[in-house]
């Protein structure tokens, strides 16, 4: 399964906060972190500098396959909410 995540920058971000966000983004996509993502988390790295997880293959292989979860709809969210509520009740947690 492929999870396509993003790093978002808030519109209007500037100065030291923008600099910090860029440092974080660059660290997250660095070879070191992406190698950890590939080897330790069994995920496809976002960087071509990181080694490919041999069990999953490279990103180009995943994109060629039918491995994407369709977007959730209202019924999907309602089903997940009911399951979560039931699990919370069984665990003795209060449900809002």
PDB file of N, CA and C in Angstrom:
ATOM      1  N   UNK A   1       0.848  -1.173   0.000  1.00  0.00           N
ATOM      2  CA  UNK A   1       0.000   0.000   0.000  1.00  0.00           C
ATOM      3  C   UNK A   1       0.889   1.230   0.000  1.00  0.00           C
ATOM      4  N   UNK A   2       0.557   2.191  -0.763  1.00  0.00           N
ATOM      5  CA  UNK A   2       1.334   3.429  -0.827  1.00  0.00           C
ATOM      6  C   UNK A   2       0.571   4.549  -0.143  1.00  0.00           C
ATOM      7  N   UNK A   3       1.237   5.250   0.752  1.00  0.00           N
ATOM      8  CA  UNK A   3       0.662   6.433   1.389  1.00  0.00           C
ATOM      9  C   UNK A   3       1.390   7.629   0.804  1.00  0.00           C
ATOM     10  N   UNK A   4       0.669   8.469   0.141  1.00  0.00           N
ATOM     11  CA  UNK A   4       1.275   9.643  -0.475  1.00  0.00           C
ATOM     12  C   UNK A   4       1.068  10.826   0.458  1.00  0.00           C
ATOM     13  N   UNK A   5       2.112  11.154   1.203  1.00  0.00           N
ATOM     14  CA  UNK A   5       2.046  12.238   2.177  1.00  0.00           C
ATOM     15  C   UNK A   5       2.739  13.470   1.638  1.00  0.00           C
ATOM     16  N   UNK A   6       2.439  14.588   2.257  1.00  0.00           N
ATOM     17  CA  UNK A   6       3.025  15.851   1.834  1.00  0.00           C
ATOM     18  C   UNK A   6       3.552  16.616   3.027  1.00  0.00           C
ATOM     19  N   UNK A   7       4.435  17.524   2.742  1.00  0.00           N
ATOM     20  CA  UNK A   7       4.897  18.495   3.723  1.00  0.00           C
ATOM     21  C   UNK A   7       4.313  19.824   3.266  1.00  0.00           C
ATOM     22  N   UNK A   8       3.512  20.426   4.104  1.00  0.00           N
ATOM     23  CA  UNK A   8       2.833  21.665   3.732  1.00  0.00           C
ATOM     24  C   UNK A   8       3.437  22.866   4.446  1.00  0.00           C
ATOM     25  N   UNK A   9       3.509  23.964   3.746  1.00  0.00           N
ATOM     26  CA  UNK A   9       3.931  25.236   4.311  1.00  0.00           C
ATOM     27  C   UNK A   9       2.719  26.149   4.348  1.00  0.00           C
ATOM     28  N   UNK A  10       2.490  26.778   5.481  1.00  0.00           N
ATOM     29  CA  UNK A  10       1.357  27.677   5.630  1.00  0.00           C
ATOM     30  C   UNK A  10       1.571  28.908   4.753  1.00  0.00           C
ATOM     31  N   UNK A  11       0.512  29.305   4.054  1.00  0.00           N
ATOM     32  CA  UNK A  11       0.578  30.490   3.201  1.00  0.00           C
ATOM     33  C   UNK A  11       0.956  31.695   4.053  1.00  0.00           C
ATOM     34  N   UNK A  12       1.876  32.480   3.578  1.00  0.00           N
ATOM     35  CA  UNK A  12       2.288  33.683   4.297  1.00  0.00           C
ATOM     36  C   UNK A  12       3.414  33.450   5.287  1.00  0.00           C
ATOM     37  N   UNK A  13       3.899  32.210   5.390  1.00  0.00           N
ATOM     38  CA  UNK A  13       4.999  31.908   6.306  1.00  0.00           C
ATOM     39  C   UNK A  13       6.243  32.649   5.838  1.00  0.00           C
ATOM     40  N   UNK A  14       6.918  33.294   6.773  1.00  0.00           N
ATOM     41  CA  UNK A  14       8.099  34.064   6.378  1.00  0.00           C
ATOM     42  C   UNK A  14       9.089  34.131   7.536  1.00  0.00           C
ATOM     43  N   UNK A  15      10.223  34.674   7.246  1.00  0.00           N
ATOM     44  CA  UNK A  15      11.232  34.899   8.272  1.00  0.00           C
ATOM     45  C   UNK A  15      11.768  33.614   8.881  1.00  0.00           C
ATOM     46  N   UNK A  16      12.001  33.645  10.192  1.00  0.00           N
ATOM     47  CA  UNK A  16      12.585  32.509  10.919  1.00  0.00           C
ATOM     48  C   UNK A  16      11.697  31.266  10.854  1.00  0.00           C
ATOM     49  N   UNK A  17      10.369  31.469  10.843  1.00  0.00           N
ATOM     50  CA  UNK A  17       9.458  30.319  10.780  1.00  0.00           C
ATOM     51  C   UNK A  17       9.571  29.613   9.430  1.00  0.00           C
ATOM     52  N   UNK A  18       9.689  30.374   8.349  1.00  0.00           N
ATOM     53  CA  UNK A  18       9.873  29.773   7.029  1.00  0.00           C
ATOM     54  C   UNK A  18      11.215  29.057   6.966  1.00  0.00           C
ATOM     55  N   UNK A  19      12.240  29.674   7.516  1.00  0.00           N
ATOM     56  CA  UNK A  19      13.565  29.053   7.543  1.00  0.00           C
ATOM     57  C   UNK A  19      13.521  27.733   8.310  1.00  0.00           C
ATOM     58  N   UNK A  20      12.853  27.709   9.457  1.00  0.00           N
ATOM     59  CA  UNK A  20      12.730  26.484  10.255  1.00  0.00           C
ATOM     60  C   UNK A  20      11.950  25.417   9.485  1.00  0.00           C
ATOM     61  N   UNK A  21      10.881  25.813   8.805  1.00  0.00           N
ATOM     62  CA  UNK A  21      10.077  24.866   8.027  1.00  0.00           C
ATOM     63  C   UNK A  21      10.909  24.262   6.892  1.00  0.00           C
ATOM     64  N   UNK A  22      11.718  25.062   6.242  1.00  0.00           N
ATOM     65  CA  UNK A  22      12.579  24.569   5.156  1.00  0.00           C
ATOM     66  C   UNK A  22      13.631  23.606   5.694  1.00  0.00           C
ATOM     67  N   UNK A  23      14.194  23.919   6.858  1.00  0.00           N
ATOM     68  CA  UNK A  23      15.185  23.026   7.472  1.00  0.00           C
ATOM     69  C   UNK A  23      14.537  21.684   7.789  1.00  0.00           C
ATOM     70  N   UNK A  24      13.335  21.710   8.375  1.00  0.00           N
ATOM     71  CA  UNK A  24      12.627  20.477   8.696  1.00  0.00           C
ATOM     72  C   UNK A  24      12.320  19.679   7.429  1.00  0.00           C
ATOM     73  N   UNK A  25      11.794  20.348   6.402  1.00  0.00           N
ATOM     74  CA  UNK A  25      11.455  19.657   5.157  1.00  0.00           C
ATOM     75  C   UNK A  25      12.693  19.025   4.532  1.00  0.00           C
ATOM     76  N   UNK A  26      13.789  19.768   4.488  1.00  0.00           N
ATOM     77  CA  UNK A  26      15.021  19.232   3.913  1.00  0.00           C
ATOM     78  C   UNK A  26      15.552  18.054   4.724  1.00  0.00           C
ATOM     79  N   UNK A  27      15.430  18.125   6.053  1.00  0.00           N
ATOM     80  CA  UNK A  27      15.854  17.007   6.887  1.00  0.00           C
ATOM     81  C   UNK A  27      14.987  15.775   6.610  1.00  0.00           C
ATOM     82  N   UNK A  28      13.670  15.988   6.527  1.00  0.00           N
ATOM     83  CA  UNK A  28      12.739  14.879   6.329  1.00  0.00           C
ATOM     84  C   UNK A  28      12.986  14.165   5.001  1.00  0.00           C
ATOM     85  N   UNK A  29      13.380  14.881   3.963  1.00  0.00           N
ATOM     86  CA  UNK A  29      13.613  14.252   2.662  1.00  0.00           C
ATOM     87  C   UNK A  29      15.089  13.918   2.439  1.00  0.00           C
ATOM     88  N   UNK A  30      15.909  14.078   3.485  1.00  0.00           N
ATOM     89  CA  UNK A  30      17.341  13.770   3.363  1.00  0.00           C
ATOM     90  C   UNK A  30      17.575  12.278   3.156  1.00  0.00           C
ATOM     91  N   UNK A  31      18.737  11.951   2.632  1.00  0.00           N
ATOM     92  CA  UNK A  31      19.093  10.550   2.402  1.00  0.00           C
ATOM     93  C   UNK A  31      19.046   9.753   3.699  1.00  0.00           C
ATOM     94  N   UNK A  32      19.527  10.334   4.782  1.00  0.00           N
ATOM     95  CA  UNK A  32      19.554   9.646   6.081  1.00  0.00           C
ATOM     96  C   UNK A  32      18.151   9.240   6.543  1.00  0.00           C
ATOM     97  N   UNK A  33      17.238  10.198   6.540  1.00  0.00           N
ATOM     98  CA  UNK A  33      15.881   9.923   7.011  1.00  0.00           C
ATOM     99  C   UNK A  33      15.157   9.003   6.035  1.00  0.00           C
ATOM    100  N   UNK A  34      15.300   9.230   4.753  1.00  0.00           N
ATOM    101  CA  UNK A  34      14.626   8.390   3.768  1.00  0.00           C
ATOM    102  C   UNK A  34      15.172   6.964   3.755  1.00  0.00           C
ATOM    103  N   UNK A  35      16.449   6.780   4.091  1.00  0.00           N
ATOM    104  CA  UNK A  35      17.002   5.432   4.239  1.00  0.00           C
ATOM    105  C   UNK A  35      16.332   4.744   5.417  1.00  0.00           C
ATOM    106  N   UNK A  36      16.128   5.475   6.513  1.00  0.00           N
ATOM    107  CA  UNK A  36      15.416   4.925   7.669  1.00  0.00           C
ATOM    108  C   UNK A  36      13.985   4.552   7.277  1.00  0.00           C
ATOM    109  N   UNK A  37      13.323   5.405   6.525  1.00  0.00           N
ATOM    110  CA  UNK A  37      11.959   5.150   6.064  1.00  0.00           C
ATOM    111  C   UNK A  37      11.915   3.853   5.257  1.00  0.00           C
ATOM    112  N   UNK A  38      12.898   3.672   4.383  1.00  0.00           N
ATOM    113  CA  UNK A  38      12.938   2.492   3.526  1.00  0.00           C
ATOM    114  C   UNK A  38      13.279   1.224   4.290  1.00  0.00           C
ATOM    115  N   UNK A  39      14.340   1.281   5.090  1.00  0.00           N
ATOM    116  CA  UNK A  39      14.836   0.077   5.757  1.00  0.00           C
ATOM    117  C   UNK A  39      14.071  -0.276   7.025  1.00  0.00           C
ATOM    118  N   UNK A  40      13.781   0.702   7.860  1.00  0.00           N
ATOM    119  CA  UNK A  40      13.205   0.433   9.175  1.00  0.00           C
ATOM    120  C   UNK A  40      11.682   0.497   9.207  1.00  0.00           C
ATOM    121  N   UNK A  41      11.083   1.301   8.349  1.00  0.00           N
ATOM    122  CA  UNK A  41       9.633   1.473   8.370  1.00  0.00           C
ATOM    123  C   UNK A  41       8.939   0.737   7.225  1.00  0.00           C
ATOM    124  N   UNK A  42       9.728   0.077   6.374  1.00  0.00           N
ATOM    125  CA  UNK A  42       9.182  -0.678   5.234  1.00  0.00           C
ATOM    126  C   UNK A  42       8.266   0.167   4.363  1.00  0.00           C
ATOM    127  N   UNK A  43       8.761   1.339   4.014  1.00  0.00           N
ATOM    128  CA  UNK A  43       8.004   2.241   3.153  1.00  0.00           C
ATOM    129  C   UNK A  43       8.872   2.596   1.946  1.00  0.00           C
ATOM    130  N   UNK A  44       8.253   3.118   0.925  1.00  0.00           N
ATOM    131  CA  UNK A  44       8.973   3.545  -0.273  1.00  0.00           C
ATOM    132  C   UNK A  44       9.547   4.933  -0.004  1.00  0.00           C
ATOM    133  N   UNK A  45      10.863   5.109  -0.163  1.00  0.00           N
ATOM    134  CA  UNK A  45      11.453   6.419   0.097  1.00  0.00           C
ATOM    135  C   UNK A  45      11.034   7.450  -0.953  1.00  0.00           C
ATOM    136  N   UNK A  46      10.972   8.701  -0.526  1.00  0.00           N
ATOM    137  CA  UNK A  46      10.636   9.794  -1.432  1.00  0.00           C
ATOM    138  C   UNK A  46      11.862  10.264  -2.203  1.00  0.00           C
ATOM    139  N   UNK A  47      13.040   9.929  -1.713  1.00  0.00           N
ATOM    140  CA  UNK A  47      14.284  10.379  -2.332  1.00  0.00           C
ATOM    141  C   UNK A  47      14.930   9.246  -3.126  1.00  0.00           C
ATOM    142  N   UNK A  48      15.388   9.575  -4.313  1.00  0.00           N
ATOM    143  CA  UNK A  48      16.083   8.573  -5.120  1.00  0.00           C
ATOM    144  C   UNK A  48      17.487   8.304  -4.582  1.00  0.00           C
ATOM    145  N   UNK A  49      17.946   9.100  -3.605  1.00  0.00           N
ATOM    146  CA  UNK A  49      19.261   8.878  -3.006  1.00  0.00           C
ATOM    147  C   UNK A  49      19.237   7.729  -1.990  1.00  0.00           C
ATOM    148  N   UNK A  50      18.063   7.416  -1.464  1.00  0.00           N
ATOM    149  CA  UNK A  50      17.922   6.357  -0.459  1.00  0.00           C
ATOM    150  C   UNK A  50      17.769   5.012  -1.169  1.00  0.00           C
ATOM    151  N   UNK A  51      18.214   3.938  -0.515  1.00  0.00           N
ATOM    152  CA  UNK A  51      18.070   2.612  -1.130  1.00  0.00           C
ATOM    153  C   UNK A  51      16.602   2.199  -1.205  1.00  0.00           C
ATOM    154  N   UNK A  52      16.266   1.462  -2.223  1.00  0.00           N
ATOM    155  CA  UNK A  52      14.901   0.976  -2.417  1.00  0.00           C
ATOM    156  C   UNK A  52      14.656  -0.222  -1.514  1.00  0.00           C
ATOM    157  N   UNK A  53      13.499  -0.271  -0.890  1.00  0.00           N
ATOM    158  CA  UNK A  53      13.087  -1.425  -0.107  1.00  0.00           C
ATOM    159  C   UNK A  53      12.771  -2.537  -1.106  1.00  0.00           C
ATOM    160  N   UNK A  54      13.551  -3.615  -1.071  1.00  0.00           N
ATOM    161  CA  UNK A  54      13.431  -4.664  -2.082  1.00  0.00           C
ATOM    162  C   UNK A  54      12.085  -5.377  -2.054  1.00  0.00           C
ATOM    163  N   UNK A  55      11.429  -5.396  -0.896  1.00  0.00           N
ATOM    164  CA  UNK A  55      10.112  -6.039  -0.823  1.00  0.00           C
ATOM    165  C   UNK A  55       9.048  -5.222  -1.550  1.00  0.00           C
ATOM    166  N   UNK A  56       9.202  -3.907  -1.536  1.00  0.00           N
ATOM    167  CA  UNK A  56       8.199  -3.024  -2.127  1.00  0.00           C
ATOM    168  C   UNK A  56       8.554  -2.577  -3.531  1.00  0.00           C
ATOM    169  N   UNK A  57       9.836  -2.486  -3.831  1.00  0.00           N
ATOM    170  CA  UNK A  57      10.266  -1.950  -5.105  1.00  0.00           C
ATOM    171  C   UNK A  57      10.323  -0.435  -5.061  1.00  0.00           C
ATOM    172  N   UNK A  58      10.683   0.145  -6.156  1.00  0.00           N
ATOM    173  CA  UNK A  58      10.782   1.600  -6.240  1.00  0.00           C
ATOM    174  C   UNK A  58       9.436   2.245  -6.484  1.00  0.00           C
ATOM    175  N   UNK A  59       9.399   3.554  -6.313  1.00  0.00           N
ATOM    176  CA  UNK A  59       8.150   4.298  -6.481  1.00  0.00           C
ATOM    177  C   UNK A  59       7.560   4.088  -7.872  1.00  0.00           C
ATOM    178  N   UNK A  60       8.405   4.013  -8.878  1.00  0.00           N
ATOM    179  CA  UNK A  60       7.893   3.853 -10.242  1.00  0.00           C
ATOM    180  C   UNK A  60       7.155   2.528 -10.422  1.00  0.00           C
ATOM    181  N   UNK A  61       7.546   1.496  -9.678  1.00  0.00           N
ATOM    182  CA  UNK A  61       6.851   0.212  -9.753  1.00  0.00           C
ATOM    183  C   UNK A  61       5.487   0.287  -9.075  1.00  0.00           C
ATOM    184  N   UNK A  62       5.427   0.973  -7.955  1.00  0.00           N
ATOM    185  CA  UNK A  62       4.166   1.090  -7.236  1.00  0.00           C
ATOM    186  C   UNK A  62       3.171   1.910  -8.038  1.00  0.00           C
ATOM    187  N   UNK A  63       3.636   2.967  -8.686  1.00  0.00           N
ATOM    188  CA  UNK A  63       2.732   3.811  -9.450  1.00  0.00           C
ATOM    189  C   UNK A  63       2.138   3.073 -10.645  1.00  0.00           C
ATOM    190  N   UNK A  64       2.792   2.020 -11.120  1.00  0.00           N
ATOM    191  CA  UNK A  64       2.285   1.257 -12.248  1.00  0.00           C
ATOM    192  C   UNK A  64       1.244   0.226 -11.821  1.00  0.00           C
ATOM    193  N   UNK A  65       1.136  -0.027 -10.535  1.00  0.00           N
ATOM    194  CA  UNK A  65       0.232  -1.056 -10.032  1.00  0.00           C
ATOM    195  C   UNK A  65      -1.031  -0.435  -9.464  1.00  0.00           C
ATOM    196  N   UNK A  66      -2.038  -1.260  -9.354  1.00  0.00           N
ATOM    197  CA  UNK A  66      -3.303  -0.810  -8.786  1.00  0.00           C
ATOM    198  C   UNK A  66      -3.238  -0.965  -7.274  1.00  0.00           C
ATOM    199  N   UNK A  67      -2.497  -0.053  -6.616  1.00  0.00           N
ATOM    200  CA  UNK A  67      -2.251  -0.172  -5.184  1.00  0.00           C
ATOM    201  C   UNK A  67      -2.739   1.036  -4.403  1.00  0.00           C
ATOM    202  N   UNK A  68      -3.670   1.777  -4.932  1.00  0.00           N
ATOM    203  CA  UNK A  68      -4.116   2.983  -4.256  1.00  0.00           C
ATOM    204  C   UNK A  68      -5.487   2.785  -3.632  1.00  0.00           C
ATOM    205  N   UNK A  69      -5.638   3.254  -2.414  1.00  0.00           N
ATOM    206  CA  UNK A  69      -6.924   3.204  -1.726  1.00  0.00           C
ATOM    207  C   UNK A  69      -7.763   4.361  -2.264  1.00  0.00           C
ATOM    208  N   UNK A  70      -8.997   4.085  -2.695  1.00  0.00           N
ATOM    209  CA  UNK A  70      -9.824   5.198  -3.181  1.00  0.00           C
ATOM    210  C   UNK A  70     -10.133   6.179  -2.060  1.00  0.00           C
ATOM    211  N   UNK A  71     -10.418   7.414  -2.388  1.00  0.00           N
ATOM    212  CA  UNK A  71     -10.722   8.403  -1.348  1.00  0.00           C
ATOM    213  C   UNK A  71     -11.904   7.946  -0.495  1.00  0.00           C
ATOM    214  N   UNK A  72     -11.828   8.283   0.785  1.00  0.00           N
ATOM    215  CA  UNK A  72     -12.933   7.958   1.678  1.00  0.00           C
ATOM    216  C   UNK A  72     -14.147   8.797   1.317  1.00  0.00           C
ATOM    217  N   UNK A  73     -15.317   8.224   1.540  1.00  0.00           N
ATOM    218  CA  UNK A  73     -16.547   8.989   1.378  1.00  0.00           C
ATOM    219  C   UNK A  73     -17.245   9.046   2.736  1.00  0.00           C
ATOM    220  N   UNK A  74     -18.411   9.675   2.787  1.00  0.00           N
ATOM    221  CA  UNK A  74     -19.120   9.833   4.061  1.00  0.00           C
ATOM    222  C   UNK A  74     -19.434   8.502   4.721  1.00  0.00           C
ATOM    223  N   UNK A  75     -19.803   7.509   3.923  1.00  0.00           N
ATOM    224  CA  UNK A  75     -20.143   6.207   4.522  1.00  0.00           C
ATOM    225  C   UNK A  75     -18.898   5.547   5.120  1.00  0.00           C
ATOM    226  N   UNK A  76     -17.740   5.740   4.511  1.00  0.00           N
ATOM    227  CA  UNK A  76     -16.496   5.195   5.065  1.00  0.00           C
ATOM    228  C   UNK A  76     -16.188   5.826   6.414  1.00  0.00           C
ATOM    229  N   UNK A  77     -16.310   7.145   6.495  1.00  0.00           N
ATOM    230  CA  UNK A  77     -16.044   7.834   7.754  1.00  0.00           C
ATOM    231  C   UNK A  77     -17.053   7.416   8.827  1.00  0.00           C
ATOM    232  N   UNK A  78     -18.327   7.256   8.452  1.00  0.00           N
ATOM    233  CA  UNK A  78     -19.351   6.850   9.412  1.00  0.00           C
ATOM    234  C   UNK A  78     -19.061   5.444   9.937  1.00  0.00           C
ATOM    235  N   UNK A  79     -18.647   4.541   9.053  1.00  0.00           N
ATOM    236  CA  UNK A  79     -18.310   3.180   9.470  1.00  0.00           C
ATOM    237  C   UNK A  79     -17.120   3.183  10.428  1.00  0.00           C
ATOM    238  N   UNK A  80     -16.085   3.956  10.106  1.00  0.00           N
ATOM    239  CA  UNK A  80     -14.916   4.036  10.991  1.00  0.00           C
ATOM    240  C   UNK A  80     -15.295   4.636  12.342  1.00  0.00           C
ATOM    241  N   UNK A  81     -16.174   5.634  12.338  1.00  0.00           N
ATOM    242  CA  UNK A  81     -16.611   6.242  13.596  1.00  0.00           C
ATOM    243  C   UNK A  81     -17.366   5.230  14.446  1.00  0.00           C
ATOM    244  N   UNK A  82     -18.268   4.469  13.833  1.00  0.00           N
ATOM    245  CA  UNK A  82     -19.021   3.468  14.598  1.00  0.00           C
ATOM    246  C   UNK A  82     -18.083   2.408  15.176  1.00  0.00           C
ATOM    247  N   UNK A  83     -17.102   1.965  14.398  1.00  0.00           N
ATOM    248  CA  UNK A  83     -16.150   0.964  14.884  1.00  0.00           C
ATOM    249  C   UNK A  83     -15.321   1.522  16.045  1.00  0.00           C
ATOM    250  N   UNK A  84     -14.886   2.768  15.917  1.00  0.00           N
ATOM    251  CA  UNK A  84     -14.093   3.406  16.969  1.00  0.00           C
ATOM    252  C   UNK A  84     -14.928   3.592  18.231  1.00  0.00           C
ATOM    253  N   UNK A  85     -16.174   4.033  18.052  1.00  0.00           N
ATOM    254  CA  UNK A  85     -17.059   4.219  19.203  1.00  0.00           C
ATOM    255  C   UNK A  85     -17.290   2.890  19.929  1.00  0.00           C
ATOM    256  N   UNK A  86     -17.527   1.828  19.174  1.00  0.00           N
ATOM    257  CA  UNK A  86     -17.754   0.509  19.784  1.00  0.00           C
ATOM    258  C   UNK A  86     -16.506   0.055  20.541  1.00  0.00           C
ATOM    259  N   UNK A  87     -15.338   0.222  19.940  1.00  0.00           N
ATOM    260  CA  UNK A  87     -14.089  -0.166  20.601  1.00  0.00           C
ATOM    261  C   UNK A  87     -13.882   0.634  21.881  1.00  0.00           C
ATOM    262  N   UNK A  88     -14.194   1.927  21.839  1.00  0.00           N
ATOM    263  CA  UNK A  88     -14.070   2.763  23.037  1.00  0.00           C
ATOM    264  C   UNK A  88     -15.023   2.317  24.134  1.00  0.00           C
ATOM    265  N   UNK A  89     -16.266   2.005  23.766  1.00  0.00           N
ATOM    266  CA  UNK A  89     -17.230   1.534  24.766  1.00  0.00           C
ATOM    267  C   UNK A  89     -16.768   0.222  25.389  1.00  0.00           C
ATOM    268  N   UNK A  90     -16.263  -0.690  24.565  1.00  0.00           N
ATOM    269  CA  UNK A  90     -15.807  -1.984  25.074  1.00  0.00           C
ATOM    270  C   UNK A  90     -14.585  -1.827  25.988  1.00  0.00           C
ATOM    271  N   UNK A  91     -13.797  -0.800  25.737  1.00  0.00           N
ATOM    272  CA  UNK A  91     -12.618  -0.532  26.563  1.00  0.00           C
ATOM    273  C   UNK A  91     -12.984   0.276  27.813  1.00  0.00           C
ATOM    274  N   UNK A  92     -14.257   0.665  27.925  1.00  0.00           N
ATOM    275  CA  UNK A  92     -14.679   1.428  29.094  1.00  0.00           C
ATOM    276  C   UNK A  92     -14.450   2.910  28.974  1.00  0.00           C
ATOM    277  N   UNK A  93     -14.122   3.376  27.776  1.00  0.00           N
ATOM    278  CA  UNK A  93     -13.927   4.810  27.542  1.00  0.00           C
ATOM    279  C   UNK A  93     -15.254   5.456  27.213  1.00  0.00           C
ATOM    280  N   UNK A  94     -15.399   6.716  27.575  1.00  0.00           N
ATOM    281  CA  UNK A  94     -16.623   7.432  27.243  1.00  0.00           C
ATOM    282  C   UNK A  94     -16.586   7.838  25.786  1.00  0.00           C
ATOM    283  N   UNK A  95     -17.738   7.827  25.149  1.00  0.00           N
ATOM    284  CA  UNK A  95     -17.865   8.213  23.747  1.00  0.00           C
ATOM    285  C   UNK A  95     -18.686   9.487  23.681  1.00  0.00           C
ATOM    286  N   UNK A  96     -18.129  10.494  22.977  1.00  0.00           N
ATOM    287  CA  UNK A  96     -18.869  11.777  22.839  1.00  0.00           C
ATOM    288  C   UNK A  96     -20.007  11.632  21.881  1.00  0.00           C
TER     289      UNK A  96
END
